[in-house]
Amino acid sequence: MLQDILVRKSSCVVIVGHSGAGKSTLASLLASQCGIKVIEVGHQVIMEATGSNMTPLEFADEQIRSGKQLHFVEQLLAAHDLTSPIIVVGPRLPQEVRFLKDALGPTIVIGLDAPDGIREFRRCRRSEIHKGRPTWMRHRDLVERSWGAENTLEMAHAVLDATLKPSQLLTQAAGIWEELGVNRMRKSVSYFFMQDIGHILNSPQSSSEALDESSLLQVVR
């Protein structure tokens, strides 16, 4: 099913959600079915934080609070070929999501949401959870929410219940891609149509005459 979708669709996918929601798992499943590349914002943060004497979270927080909200996604995209559809995992800021949508072209944003307890169970040590004390994830959530990470879910075309089985999430994500993905042919026609409109608007004739409906129809033909 997903292989067929990829042939017809050219949309990229961005997956958002808090740590432990299953973003990387879903991305890997989609990629394994489609054979397309997955790139993770978190990997870029970890790579840059290495040797800084800071944790990746501290390093990211320092960059963001210094006004470099787009630094990690800019560096991430600069290092990859963007001529084919890709899956981007883990932007935490609304600004990052908007940037990715602009940079990647047709893009579907899928959100994953799960209760805090389930995310902690997935990501934290059992001994840490059983102590009943705040885990590292709660601190991470507080920091990321101070960036506006909660708002990225509101930007998603669909928010999936991350407590479902991975196979169920894969089916739902495939359905969203099928429903919202941009058809390659439609994208191509739209692109050339806009190019022709731009040519007419910039022509000497269009500067002296209003562009009427008959002119537009001539372009379409």
C-alpha atoms as a PDB file:
ATOM      1  CA  MET A   1       0.000   0.000   0.000  1.00  0.00           C
ATOM      2  CA  LEU A   2       2.640   2.536   1.032  1.00  0.00           C
ATOM      3  CA  GLN A   3       4.793   1.730  -1.969  1.00  0.00           C
ATOM      4  CA  ASP A   4       1.872   2.644  -4.221  1.00  0.00           C
ATOM      5  CA  ILE A   5       1.281   5.857  -2.298  1.00  0.00           C
ATOM      6  CA  LEU A   6       4.919   6.906  -2.699  1.00  0.00           C
ATOM      7  CA  VAL A   7       4.727   6.421  -6.461  1.00  0.00           C
ATOM      8  CA  ARG A   8       1.731   8.749  -6.690  1.00  0.00           C
ATOM      9  CA  LYS A   9       2.606  11.252  -3.976  1.00  0.00           C
ATOM     10  CA  SER A  10       5.477  13.673  -3.580  1.00  0.00           C
ATOM     11  CA  SER A  11       4.643  15.008  -0.120  1.00  0.00           C
ATOM     12  CA  CYS A  12       7.209  14.950   2.657  1.00  0.00           C
ATOM     13  CA  VAL A  13       6.188  13.973   6.175  1.00  0.00           C
ATOM     14  CA  VAL A  14       7.077  15.756   9.425  1.00  0.00           C
ATOM     15  CA  ILE A  15       6.370  13.895  12.678  1.00  0.00           C
ATOM     16  CA  VAL A  16       5.934  15.902  15.883  1.00  0.00           C
ATOM     17  CA  GLY A  17       5.280  15.023  19.515  1.00  0.00           C
ATOM     18  CA  HIS A  18       6.926  14.852  22.914  1.00  0.00           C
ATOM     19  CA  SER A  19       9.774  12.508  23.783  1.00  0.00           C
ATOM     20  CA  GLY A  20       8.634   8.909  24.127  1.00  0.00           C
ATOM     21  CA  ALA A  21       5.557   9.299  21.943  1.00  0.00           C
ATOM     22  CA  GLY A  22       6.973   6.920  19.318  1.00  0.00           C
ATOM     23  CA  LYS A  23       7.984   9.351  16.557  1.00  0.00           C
ATOM     24  CA  SER A  24      11.161   7.491  15.565  1.00  0.00           C
ATOM     25  CA  THR A  25       9.365   4.146  15.602  1.00  0.00           C
ATOM     26  CA  LEU A  26       6.614   5.386  13.303  1.00  0.00           C
ATOM     27  CA  ALA A  27       9.149   7.052  10.999  1.00  0.00           C
ATOM     28  CA  SER A  28      11.182   3.843  10.754  1.00  0.00           C
ATOM     29  CA  LEU A  29       8.077   1.833   9.908  1.00  0.00           C
ATOM     30  CA  LEU A  30       7.039   4.286   7.213  1.00  0.00           C
ATOM     31  CA  ALA A  31      10.553   4.372   5.790  1.00  0.00           C
ATOM     32  CA  SER A  32      10.890   0.585   5.763  1.00  0.00           C
ATOM     33  CA  GLN A  33       7.684   0.311   3.753  1.00  0.00           C
ATOM     34  CA  CYS A  34       8.496   3.148   1.353  1.00  0.00           C
ATOM     35  CA  GLY A  35      12.270   3.061   1.094  1.00  0.00           C
ATOM     36  CA  ILE A  36      12.637   6.783   1.755  1.00  0.00           C
ATOM     37  CA  LYS A  37      15.046   8.668   3.988  1.00  0.00           C
ATOM     38  CA  VAL A  38      14.391   9.579   7.632  1.00  0.00           C
ATOM     39  CA  ILE A  39      16.265  12.494   9.199  1.00  0.00           C
ATOM     40  CA  GLU A  40      15.953  13.407  12.874  1.00  0.00           C
ATOM     41  CA  VAL A  41      16.323  16.829  14.442  1.00  0.00           C
ATOM     42  CA  GLY A  42      17.432  15.159  17.669  1.00  0.00           C
ATOM     43  CA  HIS A  43      20.396  13.528  15.937  1.00  0.00           C
ATOM     44  CA  GLN A  44      21.546  16.946  14.742  1.00  0.00           C
ATOM     45  CA  VAL A  45      21.332  18.299  18.298  1.00  0.00           C
ATOM     46  CA  ILE A  46      23.281  15.346  19.710  1.00  0.00           C
ATOM     47  CA  MET A  47      25.988  15.683  17.054  1.00  0.00           C
ATOM     48  CA  GLU A  48      26.491  19.387  17.715  1.00  0.00           C
ATOM     49  CA  ALA A  49      26.336  18.999  21.494  1.00  0.00           C
ATOM     50  CA  THR A  50      29.171  16.448  21.488  1.00  0.00           C
ATOM     51  CA  GLY A  51      32.235  17.985  23.098  1.00  0.00           C
ATOM     52  CA  SER A  52      30.348  20.994  24.451  1.00  0.00           C
ATOM     53  CA  ASN A  53      30.324  19.783  28.091  1.00  0.00           C
ATOM     54  CA  MET A  54      26.523  20.151  27.973  1.00  0.00           C
ATOM     55  CA  THR A  55      23.733  17.653  27.589  1.00  0.00           C
ATOM     56  CA  PRO A  56      21.901  17.782  24.246  1.00  0.00           C
ATOM     57  CA  LEU A  57      18.912  19.345  26.024  1.00  0.00           C
ATOM     58  CA  GLU A  58      21.074  22.034  27.618  1.00  0.00           C
ATOM     59  CA  PHE A  59      22.817  22.701  24.325  1.00  0.00           C
ATOM     60  CA  ALA A  60      19.527  23.015  22.454  1.00  0.00           C
ATOM     61  CA  ASP A  61      18.080  25.263  25.144  1.00  0.00           C
ATOM     62  CA  GLU A  62      21.090  27.571  24.941  1.00  0.00           C
ATOM     63  CA  GLN A  63      20.803  27.850  21.151  1.00  0.00           C
ATOM     64  CA  ILE A  64      17.072  28.508  21.227  1.00  0.00           C
ATOM     65  CA  ARG A  65      17.235  31.074  24.018  1.00  0.00           C
ATOM     66  CA  SER A  66      19.985  32.919  22.138  1.00  0.00           C
ATOM     67  CA  GLY A  67      17.552  33.429  19.252  1.00  0.00           C
ATOM     68  CA  LYS A  68      18.659  30.558  17.011  1.00  0.00           C
ATOM     69  CA  GLN A  69      15.272  28.858  16.823  1.00  0.00           C
ATOM     70  CA  LEU A  70      15.875  27.540  13.306  1.00  0.00           C
ATOM     71  CA  HIS A  71      19.534  26.593  13.690  1.00  0.00           C
ATOM     72  CA  PHE A  72      19.106  22.821  13.960  1.00  0.00           C
ATOM     73  CA  VAL A  73      16.583  22.367  11.156  1.00  0.00           C
ATOM     74  CA  GLU A  74      18.601  24.641   8.868  1.00  0.00           C
ATOM     75  CA  GLN A  75      21.765  22.606   9.483  1.00  0.00           C
ATOM     76  CA  LEU A  76      19.858  19.347   9.126  1.00  0.00           C
ATOM     77  CA  LEU A  77      18.373  20.183   5.734  1.00  0.00           C
ATOM     78  CA  ALA A  78      21.638  21.657   4.467  1.00  0.00           C
ATOM     79  CA  ALA A  79      23.284  18.259   4.904  1.00  0.00           C
ATOM     80  CA  HIS A  80      20.711  16.230   2.960  1.00  0.00           C
ATOM     81  CA  ASP A  81      19.392  15.863  -0.566  1.00  0.00           C
ATOM     82  CA  LEU A  82      15.884  17.318  -0.726  1.00  0.00           C
ATOM     83  CA  THR A  83      15.004  16.352  -4.289  1.00  0.00           C
ATOM     84  CA  SER A  84      12.966  13.344  -3.115  1.00  0.00           C
ATOM     85  CA  PRO A  85      10.332  12.982  -0.372  1.00  0.00           C
ATOM     86  CA  ILE A  86      11.761  12.589   3.137  1.00  0.00           C
ATOM     87  CA  ILE A  87      10.485  12.063   6.658  1.00  0.00           C
ATOM     88  CA  VAL A  88      11.650  14.584   9.265  1.00  0.00           C
ATOM     89  CA  VAL A  89      11.338  13.565  12.900  1.00  0.00           C
ATOM     90  CA  GLY A  90      11.156  15.694  15.990  1.00  0.00           C
ATOM     91  CA  PRO A  91      10.948  19.455  15.440  1.00  0.00           C
ATOM     92  CA  ARG A  92      10.014  20.942  18.803  1.00  0.00           C
ATOM     93  CA  LEU A  93       9.253  24.552  17.889  1.00  0.00           C
ATOM     94  CA  PRO A  94       6.351  25.916  15.810  1.00  0.00           C
ATOM     95  CA  GLN A  95       8.932  28.019  13.943  1.00  0.00           C
ATOM     96  CA  GLU A  96      10.748  24.833  12.954  1.00  0.00           C
ATOM     97  CA  VAL A  97       7.571  23.253  11.612  1.00  0.00           C
ATOM     98  CA  ARG A  98       6.739  26.350   9.560  1.00  0.00           C
ATOM     99  CA  PHE A  99      10.305  26.455   8.224  1.00  0.00           C
ATOM    100  CA  LEU A 100      10.183  22.788   7.201  1.00  0.00           C
ATOM    101  CA  LYS A 101       6.871  23.234   5.410  1.00  0.00           C
ATOM    102  CA  ASP A 102       8.292  26.172   3.458  1.00  0.00           C
ATOM    103  CA  ALA A 103      11.599  24.459   2.693  1.00  0.00           C
ATOM    104  CA  LEU A 104      10.248  21.027   1.776  1.00  0.00           C
ATOM    105  CA  GLY A 105       7.245  22.041  -0.293  1.00  0.00           C
ATOM    106  CA  PRO A 106       4.117  19.857   0.059  1.00  0.00           C
ATOM    107  CA  THR A 107       4.370  18.512   3.595  1.00  0.00           C
ATOM    108  CA  ILE A 108       2.081  16.497   5.848  1.00  0.00           C
ATOM    109  CA  VAL A 109       2.517  17.060   9.589  1.00  0.00           C
ATOM    110  CA  ILE A 110       1.563  14.074  11.757  1.00  0.00           C
ATOM    111  CA  GLY A 111       1.404  14.444  15.537  1.00  0.00           C
ATOM    112  CA  LEU A 112       1.741  11.663  18.104  1.00  0.00           C
ATOM    113  CA  ASP A 113       0.298  12.108  21.578  1.00  0.00           C
ATOM    114  CA  ALA A 114       0.427   9.831  24.618  1.00  0.00           C
ATOM    115  CA  PRO A 115      -0.102  10.297  28.371  1.00  0.00           C
ATOM    116  CA  ASP A 116       2.960  11.340  30.383  1.00  0.00           C
ATOM    117  CA  GLY A 117       2.977   8.078  32.330  1.00  0.00           C
ATOM    118  CA  ILE A 118       3.164   5.941  29.218  1.00  0.00           C
ATOM    119  CA  ARG A 119       5.956   8.042  27.744  1.00  0.00           C
ATOM    120  CA  GLU A 120       7.909   7.765  30.994  1.00  0.00           C
ATOM    121  CA  PHE A 121       7.413   4.004  31.023  1.00  0.00           C
ATOM    122  CA  ARG A 122       8.823   3.780  27.513  1.00  0.00           C
ATOM    123  CA  ARG A 123      11.861   5.992  28.002  1.00  0.00           C
ATOM    124  CA  CYS A 124      12.884   6.019  31.685  1.00  0.00           C
ATOM    125  CA  ARG A 125      14.547   3.430  33.873  1.00  0.00           C
ATOM    126  CA  ARG A 126      12.102   1.363  35.902  1.00  0.00           C
ATOM    127  CA  SER A 127      14.055   2.073  39.101  1.00  0.00           C
ATOM    128  CA  GLU A 128      13.681   5.804  38.485  1.00  0.00           C
ATOM    129  CA  ILE A 129       9.935   5.496  37.966  1.00  0.00           C
ATOM    130  CA  HIS A 130       9.401   3.299  41.042  1.00  0.00           C
ATOM    131  CA  LYS A 131      11.041   5.875  43.304  1.00  0.00           C
ATOM    132  CA  GLY A 132       8.066   8.121  42.703  1.00  0.00           C
ATOM    133  CA  ARG A 133      10.269  11.132  42.083  1.00  0.00           C
ATOM    134  CA  PRO A 134      10.144  13.397  39.035  1.00  0.00           C
ATOM    135  CA  THR A 135      12.013  11.710  36.205  1.00  0.00           C
ATOM    136  CA  TRP A 136      14.394  13.330  33.719  1.00  0.00           C
ATOM    137  CA  MET A 137      11.551  13.272  31.186  1.00  0.00           C
ATOM    138  CA  ARG A 138       9.422  15.599  33.273  1.00  0.00           C
ATOM    139  CA  HIS A 139      12.274  18.085  33.344  1.00  0.00           C
ATOM    140  CA  ARG A 140      12.720  17.684  29.601  1.00  0.00           C
ATOM    141  CA  ASP A 141       9.005  18.267  29.036  1.00  0.00           C
ATOM    142  CA  LEU A 142       9.122  21.460  31.082  1.00  0.00           C
ATOM    143  CA  VAL A 143      12.051  22.803  29.071  1.00  0.00           C
ATOM    144  CA  GLU A 144      10.527  21.864  25.717  1.00  0.00           C
ATOM    145  CA  ARG A 145       7.151  23.296  26.652  1.00  0.00           C
ATOM    146  CA  SER A 146       8.874  26.573  27.501  1.00  0.00           C
ATOM    147  CA  TRP A 147       9.970  26.608  23.846  1.00  0.00           C
ATOM    148  CA  GLY A 148       6.373  26.170  22.675  1.00  0.00           C
ATOM    149  CA  ALA A 149       6.673  22.467  21.836  1.00  0.00           C
ATOM    150  CA  GLU A 150       3.057  21.884  22.858  1.00  0.00           C
ATOM    151  CA  ASN A 151       1.941  24.075  19.951  1.00  0.00           C
ATOM    152  CA  THR A 152       3.523  21.833  17.326  1.00  0.00           C
ATOM    153  CA  LEU A 153       0.749  19.287  17.904  1.00  0.00           C
ATOM    154  CA  GLU A 154      -1.790  21.987  17.113  1.00  0.00           C
ATOM    155  CA  MET A 155      -0.059  22.482  13.744  1.00  0.00           C
ATOM    156  CA  ALA A 156      -0.434  18.822  12.771  1.00  0.00           C
ATOM    157  CA  HIS A 157      -2.852  17.790  10.042  1.00  0.00           C
ATOM    158  CA  ALA A 158      -3.758  14.892  12.313  1.00  0.00           C
ATOM    159  CA  VAL A 159      -2.796  13.851  15.854  1.00  0.00           C
ATOM    160  CA  LEU A 160      -2.673  10.089  16.373  1.00  0.00           C
ATOM    161  CA  ASP A 161      -3.109   8.198  19.620  1.00  0.00           C
ATOM    162  CA  ALA A 162       0.413   6.987  20.317  1.00  0.00           C
ATOM    163  CA  THR A 163      -0.839   4.292  22.713  1.00  0.00           C
ATOM    164  CA  LEU A 164      -1.961   2.247  19.701  1.00  0.00           C
ATOM    165  CA  LYS A 165       0.124  -0.606  18.356  1.00  0.00           C
ATOM    166  CA  PRO A 166       2.838   0.446  15.876  1.00  0.00           C
ATOM    167  CA  SER A 167       1.061  -1.469  13.100  1.00  0.00           C
ATOM    168  CA  GLN A 168      -2.138   0.497  13.785  1.00  0.00           C
ATOM    169  CA  LEU A 169      -0.274   3.790  13.739  1.00  0.00           C
ATOM    170  CA  LEU A 170       1.370   2.788  10.465  1.00  0.00           C
ATOM    171  CA  THR A 171      -2.029   2.104   8.899  1.00  0.00           C
ATOM    172  CA  GLN A 172      -3.409   5.428  10.128  1.00  0.00           C
ATOM    173  CA  ALA A 173      -0.372   7.379   8.946  1.00  0.00           C
ATOM    174  CA  ALA A 174      -0.580   5.718   5.530  1.00  0.00           C
ATOM    175  CA  GLY A 175      -4.233   6.724   5.304  1.00  0.00           C
ATOM    176  CA  ILE A 176      -3.386  10.343   6.117  1.00  0.00           C
ATOM    177  CA  TRP A 177      -0.618  10.335   3.512  1.00  0.00           C
ATOM    178  CA  GLU A 178      -3.004   8.900   0.927  1.00  0.00           C
ATOM    179  CA  GLU A 179      -5.705  11.454   1.740  1.00  0.00           C
ATOM    180  CA  LEU A 180      -3.556  14.585   2.012  1.00  0.00           C
ATOM    181  CA  GLY A 181      -0.519  13.832  -0.118  1.00  0.00           C
ATOM    182  CA  VAL A 182       0.009  15.935  -3.205  1.00  0.00           C
ATOM    183  CA  ASN A 183      -0.203  14.090  -6.501  1.00  0.00           C
ATOM    184  CA  ARG A 184       2.961  14.407  -8.594  1.00  0.00           C
ATOM    185  CA  MET A 185       1.102  15.232 -11.787  1.00  0.00           C
ATOM    186  CA  ARG A 186      -1.113  17.796 -10.068  1.00  0.00           C
ATOM    187  CA  LYS A 187       1.941  19.417  -8.502  1.00  0.00           C
ATOM    188  CA  SER A 188       3.674  19.596 -11.879  1.00  0.00           C
ATOM    189  CA  VAL A 189       0.681  21.132 -13.656  1.00  0.00           C
ATOM    190  CA  SER A 190       0.215  23.674 -10.868  1.00  0.00           C
ATOM    191  CA  TYR A 191       3.892  24.630 -10.991  1.00  0.00           C
ATOM    192  CA  PHE A 192       3.939  25.259 -14.733  1.00  0.00           C
ATOM    193  CA  PHE A 193       0.616  27.075 -14.581  1.00  0.00           C
ATOM    194  CA  MET A 194       2.020  29.509 -12.007  1.00  0.00           C
ATOM    195  CA  GLN A 195       5.196  29.922 -14.055  1.00  0.00           C
ATOM    196  CA  ASP A 196       3.122  30.897 -17.112  1.00  0.00           C
ATOM    197  CA  ILE A 197       0.995  33.309 -15.075  1.00  0.00           C
ATOM    198  CA  GLY A 198       4.185  34.948 -13.790  1.00  0.00           C
ATOM    199  CA  HIS A 199       5.457  35.296 -17.346  1.00  0.00           C
ATOM    200  CA  ILE A 200       2.260  37.052 -18.432  1.00  0.00           C
ATOM    201  CA  LEU A 201       2.201  39.346 -15.414  1.00  0.00           C
ATOM    202  CA  ASN A 202       5.775  40.401 -16.133  1.00  0.00           C
ATOM    203  CA  SER A 203       5.272  40.913 -19.854  1.00  0.00           C
ATOM    204  CA  PRO A 204       5.069  44.464 -21.336  1.00  0.00           C
ATOM    205  CA  GLN A 205       1.539  43.771 -22.538  1.00  0.00           C
ATOM    206  CA  SER A 206       0.262  42.886 -19.079  1.00  0.00           C
ATOM    207  CA  SER A 207       1.583  46.136 -17.647  1.00  0.00           C
ATOM    208  CA  SER A 208      -0.684  48.146 -19.939  1.00  0.00           C
ATOM    209  CA  GLU A 209      -3.690  45.846 -20.083  1.00  0.00           C
ATOM    210  CA  ALA A 210      -5.694  44.122 -17.372  1.00  0.00           C
ATOM    211  CA  LEU A 211      -5.335  40.340 -17.333  1.00  0.00           C
ATOM    212  CA  ASP A 212      -8.853  39.113 -18.116  1.00  0.00           C
ATOM    213  CA  GLU A 213     -10.396  35.648 -17.965  1.00  0.00           C
ATOM    214  CA  SER A 214      -9.719  34.911 -21.622  1.00  0.00           C
ATOM    215  CA  SER A 215      -5.987  35.514 -21.072  1.00  0.00           C
ATOM    216  CA  LEU A 216      -5.931  33.030 -18.218  1.00  0.00           C
ATOM    217  CA  LEU A 217      -7.761  30.439 -20.273  1.00  0.00           C
ATOM    218  CA  GLN A 218      -5.195  30.861 -23.026  1.00  0.00           C
ATOM    219  CA  VAL A 219      -2.439  30.076 -20.540  1.00  0.00           C
ATOM    220  CA  VAL A 220      -4.197  26.907 -19.388  1.00  0.00           C
ATOM    221  CA  ARG A 221      -4.516  25.732 -22.989  1.00  0.00           C
END
